[in-house]
Amino acid sequence: MWIMDLFVIIYALFFGSFCNVMAMRWLEGGSVISPSSHCPACKTPLRWYELIPVFSYLVLAGRCRTCKARISPLYPFGEAMMAVSFYLVYLRYGLNPETLIGWLLSALLILSVLTDLRSSLILDRFTLPAIGSFLLIRVWFADHSWWTYLIGGALGFSLLLVLSLISKGGMGGGDIKLFAAIGAALGPSEVLMSLILSALVGLLGGGALVALGKIRRRQPIPFAPFIWLGTMTTYLYGPGIWNEYMRFIEGLTGYVV
């Protein structure tokens, strides 16, 4: 089984590298097909040994081999995020259709993180197709009725829309459509848990950044990394978290919930 584990991790690292290319080039309005991979600073084409995920970045000490310009740490970060997400989904579900859904969800979330961190944008170019794809896949592979996931998508969209109106633009349109896709993948109860966990992690993370002096109070920060954490936690461990919460409430109140 370790061979399959290794294969999943290596595949995820290279897929994460491709998602880095998609994120960067789609933000610039370019193509993911051409030109070939090159240094953003000097445009020198990269050789095969400069394209090994994470490893090449470490060997090159985060700089271009030719012009010595700094390489964004988002490249190895995105690759490592994809490897972690794909492997945890594989450990949770094995090799079955649900794993495919988990991997698609991971790719959507990590693409969102990469574009949000780069430009404070989450692109319709991947959120809108994701909504349709998840709804279509859930017609055949689902724990609940198909319309449950349709409700989940509508709920995710509505909750973020309301939060955006209340915060007067504190939530962008990209976040709203991203949660519609998450709802279409997970369903109504899970998208609600995802939002709660994302907000909690965001509150703690934002508070820590303020305390460390990295950002100012009330300074906007990208929300997509916290959405990734909250959503993947819900997708992988949601039922267990809910059961533990119910036991906690039962122990606190003495009543079976």
C-alpha atoms as a PDB file:
ATOM      1  CA  MET A   1       0.000   0.000   0.000  1.00  0.00           C
ATOM      2  CA  TRP A   2       2.919   2.375   0.546  1.00  0.00           C
ATOM      3  CA  ILE A   3       3.446   2.411  -3.229  1.00  0.00           C
ATOM      4  CA  MET A   4      -0.092   3.738  -3.709  1.00  0.00           C
ATOM      5  CA  ASP A   5       0.446   6.290  -0.944  1.00  0.00           C
ATOM      6  CA  LEU A   6       3.611   7.495  -2.663  1.00  0.00           C
ATOM      7  CA  PHE A   7       1.882   7.631  -6.041  1.00  0.00           C
ATOM      8  CA  VAL A   8      -0.950   9.793  -4.658  1.00  0.00           C
ATOM      9  CA  ILE A   9       1.504  12.216  -3.048  1.00  0.00           C
ATOM     10  CA  ILE A  10       3.688  12.536  -6.164  1.00  0.00           C
ATOM     11  CA  TYR A  11       0.661  12.939  -8.414  1.00  0.00           C
ATOM     12  CA  ALA A  12      -0.741  15.613  -6.106  1.00  0.00           C
ATOM     13  CA  LEU A  13       2.562  17.525  -6.044  1.00  0.00           C
ATOM     14  CA  PHE A  14       2.698  17.721  -9.839  1.00  0.00           C
ATOM     15  CA  PHE A  15      -0.997  18.554 -10.062  1.00  0.00           C
ATOM     16  CA  GLY A  16      -0.401  21.298  -7.513  1.00  0.00           C
ATOM     17  CA  SER A  17       2.378  22.625  -9.732  1.00  0.00           C
ATOM     18  CA  PHE A  18      -0.065  22.760 -12.646  1.00  0.00           C
ATOM     19  CA  CYS A  19      -2.613  24.572 -10.473  1.00  0.00           C
ATOM     20  CA  ASN A  20       0.062  27.173  -9.695  1.00  0.00           C
ATOM     21  CA  VAL A  21       0.417  27.762 -13.437  1.00  0.00           C
ATOM     22  CA  MET A  22      -3.358  28.017 -13.846  1.00  0.00           C
ATOM     23  CA  ALA A  23      -3.684  30.469 -10.975  1.00  0.00           C
ATOM     24  CA  MET A  24      -0.905  32.757 -12.202  1.00  0.00           C
ATOM     25  CA  ARG A  25      -1.769  32.725 -15.898  1.00  0.00           C
ATOM     26  CA  TRP A  26      -5.535  33.006 -15.483  1.00  0.00           C
ATOM     27  CA  LEU A  27      -5.037  36.036 -13.262  1.00  0.00           C
ATOM     28  CA  GLU A  28      -3.037  37.556 -16.132  1.00  0.00           C
ATOM     29  CA  GLY A  29      -5.571  36.462 -18.747  1.00  0.00           C
ATOM     30  CA  GLY A  30      -3.082  34.062 -20.339  1.00  0.00           C
ATOM     31  CA  SER A  31      -3.126  30.440 -21.492  1.00  0.00           C
ATOM     32  CA  VAL A  32      -2.056  27.423 -19.450  1.00  0.00           C
ATOM     33  CA  ILE A  33      -0.855  25.691 -22.624  1.00  0.00           C
ATOM     34  CA  SER A  34       1.626  28.177 -24.051  1.00  0.00           C
ATOM     35  CA  PRO A  35       4.230  29.434 -23.605  1.00  0.00           C
ATOM     36  CA  SER A  36       6.053  26.679 -21.763  1.00  0.00           C
ATOM     37  CA  SER A  37       7.047  27.119 -18.131  1.00  0.00           C
ATOM     38  CA  HIS A  38       9.491  29.989 -17.713  1.00  0.00           C
ATOM     39  CA  CYS A  39      10.874  32.433 -15.178  1.00  0.00           C
ATOM     40  CA  PRO A  40       8.364  35.292 -14.709  1.00  0.00           C
ATOM     41  CA  ALA A  41      11.243  37.782 -14.407  1.00  0.00           C
ATOM     42  CA  CYS A  42      13.670  36.944 -17.243  1.00  0.00           C
ATOM     43  CA  LYS A  43      11.350  34.678 -19.313  1.00  0.00           C
ATOM     44  CA  THR A  44      14.009  31.954 -19.565  1.00  0.00           C
ATOM     45  CA  PRO A  45      12.377  28.560 -20.241  1.00  0.00           C
ATOM     46  CA  LEU A  46      12.704  26.186 -17.309  1.00  0.00           C
ATOM     47  CA  ARG A  47      14.473  22.846 -17.669  1.00  0.00           C
ATOM     48  CA  TRP A  48      12.930  19.612 -16.444  1.00  0.00           C
ATOM     49  CA  TYR A  49      14.969  19.523 -13.245  1.00  0.00           C
ATOM     50  CA  GLU A  50      13.668  23.000 -12.359  1.00  0.00           C
ATOM     51  CA  LEU A  51      10.085  21.758 -12.480  1.00  0.00           C
ATOM     52  CA  ILE A  52      10.218  19.145  -9.736  1.00  0.00           C
ATOM     53  CA  PRO A  53       7.610  20.272  -7.165  1.00  0.00           C
ATOM     54  CA  VAL A  54       8.991  21.623  -3.865  1.00  0.00           C
ATOM     55  CA  PHE A  55      12.383  19.956  -4.420  1.00  0.00           C
ATOM     56  CA  SER A  56      13.479  22.328  -7.200  1.00  0.00           C
ATOM     57  CA  TYR A  57      12.490  25.356  -5.141  1.00  0.00           C
ATOM     58  CA  LEU A  58      14.588  24.133  -2.211  1.00  0.00           C
ATOM     59  CA  VAL A  59      17.613  23.239  -4.359  1.00  0.00           C
ATOM     60  CA  LEU A  60      17.505  26.620  -6.120  1.00  0.00           C
ATOM     61  CA  ALA A  61      17.075  28.379  -2.745  1.00  0.00           C
ATOM     62  CA  GLY A  62      13.947  30.096  -4.041  1.00  0.00           C
ATOM     63  CA  ARG A  63      15.711  31.917  -6.896  1.00  0.00           C
ATOM     64  CA  CYS A  64      15.797  31.674 -10.698  1.00  0.00           C
ATOM     65  CA  ARG A  65      18.814  29.734 -11.946  1.00  0.00           C
ATOM     66  CA  THR A  66      19.484  32.334 -14.668  1.00  0.00           C
ATOM     67  CA  CYS A  67      18.669  35.801 -13.330  1.00  0.00           C
ATOM     68  CA  LYS A  68      18.603  35.019  -9.584  1.00  0.00           C
ATOM     69  CA  ALA A  69      15.209  36.708  -9.191  1.00  0.00           C
ATOM     70  CA  ARG A  70      13.204  35.492  -6.209  1.00  0.00           C
ATOM     71  CA  ILE A  71      10.636  32.763  -6.873  1.00  0.00           C
ATOM     72  CA  SER A  72       7.356  33.223  -5.029  1.00  0.00           C
ATOM     73  CA  PRO A  73       7.024  30.831  -2.060  1.00  0.00           C
ATOM     74  CA  LEU A  74       3.416  30.362  -3.198  1.00  0.00           C
ATOM     75  CA  TYR A  75       4.723  27.798  -5.696  1.00  0.00           C
ATOM     76  CA  PRO A  76       5.949  25.205  -3.157  1.00  0.00           C
ATOM     77  CA  PHE A  77       3.159  26.230  -0.776  1.00  0.00           C
ATOM     78  CA  GLY A  78       0.465  25.383  -3.350  1.00  0.00           C
ATOM     79  CA  GLU A  79       2.180  22.105  -4.243  1.00  0.00           C
ATOM     80  CA  ALA A  80       2.457  21.069  -0.594  1.00  0.00           C
ATOM     81  CA  MET A  81      -1.185  22.042   0.080  1.00  0.00           C
ATOM     82  CA  MET A  82      -2.328  19.861  -2.800  1.00  0.00           C
ATOM     83  CA  ALA A  83      -0.264  16.903  -1.604  1.00  0.00           C
ATOM     84  CA  VAL A  84      -1.652  17.174   1.929  1.00  0.00           C
ATOM     85  CA  SER A  85      -5.252  17.563   0.740  1.00  0.00           C
ATOM     86  CA  PHE A  86      -5.131  14.735  -1.799  1.00  0.00           C
ATOM     87  CA  TYR A  87      -3.437  12.346   0.608  1.00  0.00           C
ATOM     88  CA  LEU A  88      -5.862  13.034   3.472  1.00  0.00           C
ATOM     89  CA  VAL A  89      -8.831  12.504   1.135  1.00  0.00           C
ATOM     90  CA  TYR A  90      -7.274   9.241  -0.054  1.00  0.00           C
ATOM     91  CA  LEU A  91      -6.714   8.083   3.539  1.00  0.00           C
ATOM     92  CA  ARG A  92     -10.313   8.924   4.432  1.00  0.00           C
ATOM     93  CA  TYR A  93     -12.115   7.426   1.426  1.00  0.00           C
ATOM     94  CA  GLY A  94      -9.672   5.112  -0.329  1.00  0.00           C
ATOM     95  CA  LEU A  95     -10.106   4.729  -4.075  1.00  0.00           C
ATOM     96  CA  ASN A  96     -13.779   5.290  -4.866  1.00  0.00           C
ATOM     97  CA  PRO A  97     -15.959   7.970  -6.519  1.00  0.00           C
ATOM     98  CA  GLU A  98     -16.070  10.043  -3.321  1.00  0.00           C
ATOM     99  CA  THR A  99     -12.291  10.400  -3.549  1.00  0.00           C
ATOM    100  CA  LEU A 100     -12.689  12.053  -6.950  1.00  0.00           C
ATOM    101  CA  ILE A 101     -15.140  14.546  -5.441  1.00  0.00           C
ATOM    102  CA  GLY A 102     -12.708  15.237  -2.598  1.00  0.00           C
ATOM    103  CA  TRP A 103      -9.842  15.796  -5.023  1.00  0.00           C
ATOM    104  CA  LEU A 104     -11.923  18.136  -7.183  1.00  0.00           C
ATOM    105  CA  LEU A 105     -12.935  20.052  -4.071  1.00  0.00           C
ATOM    106  CA  SER A 106      -9.286  20.229  -2.984  1.00  0.00           C
ATOM    107  CA  ALA A 107      -8.237  21.595  -6.379  1.00  0.00           C
ATOM    108  CA  LEU A 108     -10.997  24.222  -6.317  1.00  0.00           C
ATOM    109  CA  LEU A 109     -10.077  25.372  -2.821  1.00  0.00           C
ATOM    110  CA  ILE A 110      -6.336  25.523  -3.488  1.00  0.00           C
ATOM    111  CA  LEU A 111      -6.820  27.411  -6.755  1.00  0.00           C
ATOM    112  CA  SER A 112      -8.923  29.862  -4.739  1.00  0.00           C
ATOM    113  CA  VAL A 113      -6.198  30.191  -2.118  1.00  0.00           C
ATOM    114  CA  LEU A 114      -3.502  30.825  -4.723  1.00  0.00           C
ATOM    115  CA  THR A 115      -5.417  33.529  -6.585  1.00  0.00           C
ATOM    116  CA  ASP A 116      -6.723  35.107  -3.384  1.00  0.00           C
ATOM    117  CA  LEU A 117      -3.237  35.360  -1.888  1.00  0.00           C
ATOM    118  CA  ARG A 118      -1.806  36.727  -5.138  1.00  0.00           C
ATOM    119  CA  SER A 119      -4.464  39.247  -6.117  1.00  0.00           C
ATOM    120  CA  SER A 120      -7.323  39.091  -3.569  1.00  0.00           C
ATOM    121  CA  LEU A 121      -9.490  37.483  -6.256  1.00  0.00           C
ATOM    122  CA  ILE A 122     -11.339  34.180  -6.603  1.00  0.00           C
ATOM    123  CA  LEU A 123     -12.047  33.663 -10.288  1.00  0.00           C
ATOM    124  CA  ASP A 124     -15.416  32.745 -11.813  1.00  0.00           C
ATOM    125  CA  ARG A 125     -13.369  30.804 -14.349  1.00  0.00           C
ATOM    126  CA  PHE A 126     -13.105  27.888 -11.933  1.00  0.00           C
ATOM    127  CA  THR A 127     -15.882  28.456  -9.359  1.00  0.00           C
ATOM    128  CA  LEU A 128     -18.757  28.495 -11.855  1.00  0.00           C
ATOM    129  CA  PRO A 129     -17.740  25.271 -13.673  1.00  0.00           C
ATOM    130  CA  ALA A 130     -17.188  23.674 -10.254  1.00  0.00           C
ATOM    131  CA  ILE A 131     -20.795  24.350  -9.213  1.00  0.00           C
ATOM    132  CA  GLY A 132     -22.137  22.596 -12.308  1.00  0.00           C
ATOM    133  CA  SER A 133     -19.609  19.760 -12.041  1.00  0.00           C
ATOM    134  CA  PHE A 134     -20.417  18.966  -8.416  1.00  0.00           C
ATOM    135  CA  LEU A 135     -24.170  18.987  -9.050  1.00  0.00           C
ATOM    136  CA  LEU A 136     -23.719  16.711 -12.059  1.00  0.00           C
ATOM    137  CA  ILE A 137     -21.458  14.272 -10.213  1.00  0.00           C
ATOM    138  CA  ARG A 138     -23.855  14.150  -7.252  1.00  0.00           C
ATOM    139  CA  VAL A 139     -26.601  12.839  -9.553  1.00  0.00           C
ATOM    140  CA  TRP A 140     -24.724   9.499  -9.552  1.00  0.00           C
ATOM    141  CA  PHE A 141     -22.545   9.556  -6.444  1.00  0.00           C
ATOM    142  CA  ALA A 142     -24.272  10.903  -3.344  1.00  0.00           C
ATOM    143  CA  ASP A 143     -25.214  10.011   0.213  1.00  0.00           C
ATOM    144  CA  HIS A 144     -28.427  12.016  -0.116  1.00  0.00           C
ATOM    145  CA  SER A 145     -30.917  12.946  -2.828  1.00  0.00           C
ATOM    146  CA  TRP A 146     -29.574  15.068  -5.680  1.00  0.00           C
ATOM    147  CA  TRP A 147     -31.749  18.009  -4.753  1.00  0.00           C
ATOM    148  CA  THR A 148     -30.114  18.062  -1.295  1.00  0.00           C
ATOM    149  CA  TYR A 149     -26.891  19.244  -2.931  1.00  0.00           C
ATOM    150  CA  LEU A 150     -28.816  21.773  -4.987  1.00  0.00           C
ATOM    151  CA  ILE A 151     -30.163  23.161  -1.710  1.00  0.00           C
ATOM    152  CA  GLY A 152     -26.617  23.091  -0.329  1.00  0.00           C
ATOM    153  CA  GLY A 153     -25.365  25.211  -3.218  1.00  0.00           C
ATOM    154  CA  ALA A 154     -28.223  27.682  -2.819  1.00  0.00           C
ATOM    155  CA  LEU A 155     -27.645  27.851   0.945  1.00  0.00           C
ATOM    156  CA  GLY A 156     -23.915  28.454   0.561  1.00  0.00           C
ATOM    157  CA  PHE A 157     -24.570  31.233  -1.943  1.00  0.00           C
ATOM    158  CA  SER A 158     -27.300  32.820   0.207  1.00  0.00           C
ATOM    159  CA  LEU A 159     -25.330  32.750   3.467  1.00  0.00           C
ATOM    160  CA  LEU A 160     -22.313  34.472   1.937  1.00  0.00           C
ATOM    161  CA  LEU A 161     -24.500  36.951   0.082  1.00  0.00           C
ATOM    162  CA  VAL A 162     -26.165  37.950   3.360  1.00  0.00           C
ATOM    163  CA  LEU A 163     -22.756  38.239   5.073  1.00  0.00           C
ATOM    164  CA  SER A 164     -21.503  40.374   2.189  1.00  0.00           C
ATOM    165  CA  LEU A 165     -24.480  42.726   2.505  1.00  0.00           C
ATOM    166  CA  ILE A 166     -24.139  42.954   6.286  1.00  0.00           C
ATOM    167  CA  SER A 167     -20.403  43.602   6.082  1.00  0.00           C
ATOM    168  CA  LYS A 168     -20.923  46.064   3.195  1.00  0.00           C
ATOM    169  CA  GLY A 169     -18.594  44.252   0.823  1.00  0.00           C
ATOM    170  CA  GLY A 170     -16.442  42.496   3.404  1.00  0.00           C
ATOM    171  CA  MET A 171     -17.116  39.283   1.466  1.00  0.00           C
ATOM    172  CA  GLY A 172     -16.371  39.435  -2.243  1.00  0.00           C
ATOM    173  CA  GLY A 173     -18.344  37.896  -5.079  1.00  0.00           C
ATOM    174  CA  GLY A 174     -15.680  35.216  -5.446  1.00  0.00           C
ATOM    175  CA  ASP A 175     -16.223  34.040  -1.871  1.00  0.00           C
ATOM    176  CA  ILE A 176     -19.983  33.897  -2.469  1.00  0.00           C
ATOM    177  CA  LYS A 177     -19.672  31.702  -5.556  1.00  0.00           C
ATOM    178  CA  LEU A 178     -17.001  29.561  -3.911  1.00  0.00           C
ATOM    179  CA  PHE A 179     -19.402  28.694  -1.094  1.00  0.00           C
ATOM    180  CA  ALA A 180     -22.085  27.889  -3.658  1.00  0.00           C
ATOM    181  CA  ALA A 181     -19.677  25.309  -5.097  1.00  0.00           C
ATOM    182  CA  ILE A 182     -18.838  23.999  -1.618  1.00  0.00           C
ATOM    183  CA  GLY A 183     -22.545  23.608  -0.862  1.00  0.00           C
ATOM    184  CA  ALA A 184     -23.081  21.739  -4.134  1.00  0.00           C
ATOM    185  CA  ALA A 185     -20.287  19.339  -3.155  1.00  0.00           C
ATOM    186  CA  LEU A 186     -21.160  18.832   0.517  1.00  0.00           C
ATOM    187  CA  GLY A 187     -24.845  19.583   1.021  1.00  0.00           C
ATOM    188  CA  PRO A 188     -26.644  22.026   3.357  1.00  0.00           C
ATOM    189  CA  SER A 189     -25.584  20.868   6.836  1.00  0.00           C
ATOM    190  CA  GLU A 190     -21.938  20.449   5.834  1.00  0.00           C
ATOM    191  CA  VAL A 191     -21.720  23.828   4.069  1.00  0.00           C
ATOM    192  CA  LEU A 192     -23.049  25.440   7.240  1.00  0.00           C
ATOM    193  CA  MET A 193     -20.393  23.674   9.331  1.00  0.00           C
ATOM    194  CA  SER A 194     -17.781  24.660   6.757  1.00  0.00           C
ATOM    195  CA  LEU A 195     -18.744  28.313   7.062  1.00  0.00           C
ATOM    196  CA  ILE A 196     -18.693  28.205  10.872  1.00  0.00           C
ATOM    197  CA  LEU A 197     -15.284  26.516  10.999  1.00  0.00           C
ATOM    198  CA  SER A 198     -13.856  28.828   8.309  1.00  0.00           C
ATOM    199  CA  ALA A 199     -15.050  31.882  10.217  1.00  0.00           C
ATOM    200  CA  LEU A 200     -13.653  30.514  13.487  1.00  0.00           C
ATOM    201  CA  VAL A 201     -10.256  29.740  11.964  1.00  0.00           C
ATOM    202  CA  GLY A 202     -10.272  33.127  10.228  1.00  0.00           C
ATOM    203  CA  LEU A 203     -11.044  34.894  13.502  1.00  0.00           C
ATOM    204  CA  LEU A 204      -8.243  33.079  15.312  1.00  0.00           C
ATOM    205  CA  GLY A 205      -5.800  33.486  12.430  1.00  0.00           C
ATOM    206  CA  GLY A 206      -6.602  37.157  11.949  1.00  0.00           C
ATOM    207  CA  GLY A 207      -6.285  37.777  15.686  1.00  0.00           C
ATOM    208  CA  ALA A 208      -2.891  36.075  15.727  1.00  0.00           C
ATOM    209  CA  LEU A 209      -1.669  38.175  12.780  1.00  0.00           C
ATOM    210  CA  VAL A 210      -2.796  41.367  14.527  1.00  0.00           C
ATOM    211  CA  ALA A 211      -1.111  40.297  17.770  1.00  0.00           C
ATOM    212  CA  LEU A 212       2.128  39.579  15.890  1.00  0.00           C
ATOM    213  CA  GLY A 213       1.974  42.949  14.160  1.00  0.00           C
ATOM    214  CA  LYS A 214       1.744  41.413  10.678  1.00  0.00           C
ATOM    215  CA  ILE A 215      -1.475  43.255   9.829  1.00  0.00           C
ATOM    216  CA  ARG A 216      -3.395  46.204  11.233  1.00  0.00           C
ATOM    217  CA  ARG A 217      -6.726  45.862  13.010  1.00  0.00           C
ATOM    218  CA  ARG A 218      -9.632  45.854  10.494  1.00  0.00           C
ATOM    219  CA  GLN A 219      -7.189  45.351   7.604  1.00  0.00           C
ATOM    220  CA  PRO A 220      -8.749  43.036   4.981  1.00  0.00           C
ATOM    221  CA  ILE A 221      -7.029  39.673   4.618  1.00  0.00           C
ATOM    222  CA  PRO A 222      -7.594  36.863   2.098  1.00  0.00           C
ATOM    223  CA  PHE A 223     -10.325  34.537   3.395  1.00  0.00           C
ATOM    224  CA  ALA A 224      -9.673  31.610   1.015  1.00  0.00           C
ATOM    225  CA  PRO A 225      -6.936  29.961   3.164  1.00  0.00           C
ATOM    226  CA  PHE A 226      -9.362  29.806   6.076  1.00  0.00           C
ATOM    227  CA  ILE A 227     -12.103  28.473   3.784  1.00  0.00           C
ATOM    228  CA  TRP A 228      -9.707  25.708   2.709  1.00  0.00           C
ATOM    229  CA  LEU A 229      -9.024  24.729   6.314  1.00  0.00           C
ATOM    230  CA  GLY A 230     -12.665  24.905   7.395  1.00  0.00           C
ATOM    231  CA  THR A 231     -14.022  23.078   4.364  1.00  0.00           C
ATOM    232  CA  MET A 232     -11.468  20.265   4.265  1.00  0.00           C
ATOM    233  CA  THR A 233     -11.902  19.719   8.001  1.00  0.00           C
ATOM    234  CA  THR A 234     -15.669  19.470   7.466  1.00  0.00           C
ATOM    235  CA  TYR A 235     -15.340  17.180   4.458  1.00  0.00           C
ATOM    236  CA  LEU A 236     -12.901  14.807   6.148  1.00  0.00           C
ATOM    237  CA  TYR A 237     -14.014  14.870   9.773  1.00  0.00           C
ATOM    238  CA  GLY A 238     -17.409  16.612   9.874  1.00  0.00           C
ATOM    239  CA  PRO A 239     -19.519  13.721  11.247  1.00  0.00           C
ATOM    240  CA  GLY A 240     -16.982  13.000  13.981  1.00  0.00           C
ATOM    241  CA  ILE A 241     -16.827  16.669  14.993  1.00  0.00           C
ATOM    242  CA  TRP A 242     -20.628  16.837  15.137  1.00  0.00           C
ATOM    243  CA  ASN A 243     -20.877  13.684  17.257  1.00  0.00           C
ATOM    244  CA  GLU A 244     -18.289  15.000  19.718  1.00  0.00           C
ATOM    245  CA  TYR A 245     -20.146  18.310  19.908  1.00  0.00           C
ATOM    246  CA  MET A 246     -23.410  16.494  20.680  1.00  0.00           C
ATOM    247  CA  ARG A 247     -21.692  14.484  23.417  1.00  0.00           C
ATOM    248  CA  PHE A 248     -20.313  17.719  24.860  1.00  0.00           C
ATOM    249  CA  ILE A 249     -23.782  19.314  24.904  1.00  0.00           C
ATOM    250  CA  GLU A 250     -25.248  16.167  26.442  1.00  0.00           C
ATOM    251  CA  GLY A 251     -22.610  16.149  29.183  1.00  0.00           C
ATOM    252  CA  LEU A 252     -23.074  19.869  29.801  1.00  0.00           C
ATOM    253  CA  THR A 253     -26.863  19.833  30.021  1.00  0.00           C
ATOM    254  CA  GLY A 254     -27.612  16.258  31.053  1.00  0.00           C
ATOM    255  CA  TYR A 255     -30.042  15.901  28.165  1.00  0.00           C
ATOM    256  CA  VAL A 256     -29.718  13.702  25.115  1.00  0.00           C
ATOM    257  CA  VAL A 257     -29.775  16.009  22.074  1.00  0.00           C
END
